Amino acid sequence: MSDRPKTKRYLVMAMRKPDFSEAAVAPHLAFLDGLRLAGKLEMTGGFSDKSGGAYVLNVGTLAEALAIAADDPLATSDSSTLTVYEWNAH
């Protein structure tokens, strides 16, 4: 058995608001790159209809996932609504 703490998956849905700012995209992508380097981001992608996107966090708690989503530039710029779900993926 590993001493590493158990992680869970959290699905973060980022839906664009009507006044979405394209200026938030580059900081958001850099934010995701940082999460990937930290080993917290499993996958990410935008929706083909340009309504938003989603990413999967691999972290220990819902509180941590919520804190990460709250720091996302899409949220801090008020360009998108981010919702976090604990995801029982198989």
C-alpha atoms as a PDB file:
ATOM      1  CA  MET A   1       0.000   0.000   0.000  1.00  0.00           C
ATOM      2  CA  SER A   2       1.121   3.515  -0.755  1.00  0.00           C
ATOM      3  CA  ASP A   3       1.444   6.242   1.870  1.00  0.00           C
ATOM      4  CA  ARG A   4       0.094   8.707  -0.675  1.00  0.00           C
ATOM      5  CA  PRO A   5      -3.265  10.187   0.336  1.00  0.00           C
ATOM      6  CA  LYS A   6      -6.297   8.982  -1.623  1.00  0.00           C
ATOM      7  CA  THR A   7      -7.525  11.285  -4.321  1.00  0.00           C
ATOM      8  CA  LYS A   8     -10.944  11.686  -5.831  1.00  0.00           C
ATOM      9  CA  ARG A   9     -12.040  13.072  -9.142  1.00  0.00           C
ATOM     10  CA  TYR A  10     -13.975  16.304  -9.424  1.00  0.00           C
ATOM     11  CA  LEU A  11     -15.604  17.529 -12.612  1.00  0.00           C
ATOM     12  CA  VAL A  12     -15.482  21.297 -13.033  1.00  0.00           C
ATOM     13  CA  MET A  13     -17.991  22.650 -15.528  1.00  0.00           C
ATOM     14  CA  ALA A  14     -17.157  26.143 -16.789  1.00  0.00           C
ATOM     15  CA  MET A  15     -20.072  27.691 -18.656  1.00  0.00           C
ATOM     16  CA  ARG A  16     -19.580  31.027 -20.400  1.00  0.00           C
ATOM     17  CA  LYS A  17     -21.681  33.965 -19.292  1.00  0.00           C
ATOM     18  CA  PRO A  18     -23.346  36.176 -21.924  1.00  0.00           C
ATOM     19  CA  ASP A  19     -20.655  38.838 -21.375  1.00  0.00           C
ATOM     20  CA  PHE A  20     -17.770  36.326 -21.598  1.00  0.00           C
ATOM     21  CA  SER A  21     -14.386  37.998 -22.040  1.00  0.00           C
ATOM     22  CA  GLU A  22     -11.903  36.369 -24.438  1.00  0.00           C
ATOM     23  CA  ALA A  23      -9.188  38.078 -22.350  1.00  0.00           C
ATOM     24  CA  ALA A  24      -9.789  35.414 -19.660  1.00  0.00           C
ATOM     25  CA  VAL A  25      -8.779  32.531 -21.937  1.00  0.00           C
ATOM     26  CA  ALA A  26      -4.975  32.886 -21.845  1.00  0.00           C
ATOM     27  CA  PRO A  27      -4.812  33.237 -18.018  1.00  0.00           C
ATOM     28  CA  HIS A  28      -7.218  30.285 -17.705  1.00  0.00           C
ATOM     29  CA  LEU A  29      -5.007  28.092 -19.905  1.00  0.00           C
ATOM     30  CA  ALA A  30      -1.925  29.093 -17.895  1.00  0.00           C
ATOM     31  CA  PHE A  31      -3.844  28.259 -14.696  1.00  0.00           C
ATOM     32  CA  LEU A  32      -4.650  24.804 -16.089  1.00  0.00           C
ATOM     33  CA  ASP A  33      -0.997  24.287 -17.059  1.00  0.00           C
ATOM     34  CA  GLY A  34      -0.019  24.980 -13.444  1.00  0.00           C
ATOM     35  CA  LEU A  35      -2.555  22.465 -12.180  1.00  0.00           C
ATOM     36  CA  ARG A  36      -1.246  19.887 -14.661  1.00  0.00           C
ATOM     37  CA  LEU A  37       2.334  20.446 -13.494  1.00  0.00           C
ATOM     38  CA  ALA A  38       1.196  20.049  -9.882  1.00  0.00           C
ATOM     39  CA  GLY A  39      -0.396  16.688 -10.746  1.00  0.00           C
ATOM     40  CA  LYS A  40      -3.920  17.914  -9.955  1.00  0.00           C
ATOM     41  CA  LEU A  41      -5.392  18.094 -13.465  1.00  0.00           C
ATOM     42  CA  GLU A  42      -6.374  14.894 -15.241  1.00  0.00           C
ATOM     43  CA  MET A  43      -8.013  16.206 -18.405  1.00  0.00           C
ATOM     44  CA  THR A  44      -9.533  19.340 -19.851  1.00  0.00           C
ATOM     45  CA  GLY A  45     -11.348  20.517 -22.937  1.00  0.00           C
ATOM     46  CA  GLY A  46     -13.741  22.999 -24.443  1.00  0.00           C
ATOM     47  CA  PHE A  47     -17.175  22.204 -25.823  1.00  0.00           C
ATOM     48  CA  SER A  48     -17.474  22.297 -29.604  1.00  0.00           C
ATOM     49  CA  ASP A  49     -20.413  24.712 -29.415  1.00  0.00           C
ATOM     50  CA  LYS A  50     -18.202  27.268 -27.578  1.00  0.00           C
ATOM     51  CA  SER A  51     -20.614  27.376 -24.600  1.00  0.00           C
ATOM     52  CA  GLY A  52     -17.838  26.513 -22.165  1.00  0.00           C
ATOM     53  CA  GLY A  53     -15.741  23.558 -21.164  1.00  0.00           C
ATOM     54  CA  ALA A  54     -14.833  21.190 -18.392  1.00  0.00           C
ATOM     55  CA  TYR A  55     -11.850  19.827 -16.551  1.00  0.00           C
ATOM     56  CA  VAL A  56     -11.246  16.946 -14.195  1.00  0.00           C
ATOM     57  CA  LEU A  57      -9.337  17.540 -10.991  1.00  0.00           C
ATOM     58  CA  ASN A  58      -7.679  14.699  -9.121  1.00  0.00           C
ATOM     59  CA  VAL A  59      -7.448  16.067  -5.556  1.00  0.00           C
ATOM     60  CA  GLY A  60      -8.220  14.896  -2.033  1.00  0.00           C
ATOM     61  CA  THR A  61     -11.374  16.787  -1.068  1.00  0.00           C
ATOM     62  CA  LEU A  62     -14.342  18.652  -2.428  1.00  0.00           C
ATOM     63  CA  ALA A  63     -13.187  21.704  -0.471  1.00  0.00           C
ATOM     64  CA  GLU A  64      -9.861  21.647  -2.327  1.00  0.00           C
ATOM     65  CA  ALA A  65     -11.613  21.293  -5.689  1.00  0.00           C
ATOM     66  CA  LEU A  66     -13.939  24.190  -4.857  1.00  0.00           C
ATOM     67  CA  ALA A  67     -10.983  26.373  -3.829  1.00  0.00           C
ATOM     68  CA  ILE A  68      -9.167  25.586  -7.076  1.00  0.00           C
ATOM     69  CA  ALA A  69     -12.232  26.428  -9.171  1.00  0.00           C
ATOM     70  CA  ALA A  70     -12.705  29.688  -7.260  1.00  0.00           C
ATOM     71  CA  ASP A  71      -9.131  30.690  -8.225  1.00  0.00           C
ATOM     72  CA  ASP A  72      -9.636  29.926 -11.918  1.00  0.00           C
ATOM     73  CA  PRO A  73      -9.322  33.136 -13.964  1.00  0.00           C
ATOM     74  CA  LEU A  74     -12.641  32.295 -15.628  1.00  0.00           C
ATOM     75  CA  ALA A  75     -14.247  32.631 -12.192  1.00  0.00           C
ATOM     76  CA  THR A  76     -12.187  35.546 -10.871  1.00  0.00           C
ATOM     77  CA  SER A  77     -12.895  37.568 -14.036  1.00  0.00           C
ATOM     78  CA  ASP A  78     -16.601  36.697 -13.761  1.00  0.00           C
ATOM     79  CA  SER A  79     -16.523  35.460 -17.376  1.00  0.00           C
ATOM     80  CA  SER A  80     -17.909  31.999 -16.629  1.00  0.00           C
ATOM     81  CA  THR A  81     -19.921  30.150 -14.024  1.00  0.00           C
ATOM     82  CA  LEU A  82     -17.903  27.275 -12.571  1.00  0.00           C
ATOM     83  CA  THR A  83     -19.658  24.358 -10.894  1.00  0.00           C
ATOM     84  CA  VAL A  84     -17.810  21.496  -9.190  1.00  0.00           C
ATOM     85  CA  TYR A  85     -19.141  17.953  -8.937  1.00  0.00           C
ATOM     86  CA  GLU A  86     -17.647  14.985  -7.099  1.00  0.00           C
ATOM     87  CA  TRP A  87     -17.421  12.509  -9.949  1.00  0.00           C
ATOM     88  CA  ASN A  88     -17.754   8.768  -9.510  1.00  0.00           C
ATOM     89  CA  ALA A  89     -16.071   7.921 -12.795  1.00  0.00           C
ATOM     90  CA  HIS A  90     -15.423   4.310 -13.777  1.00  0.00           C
END
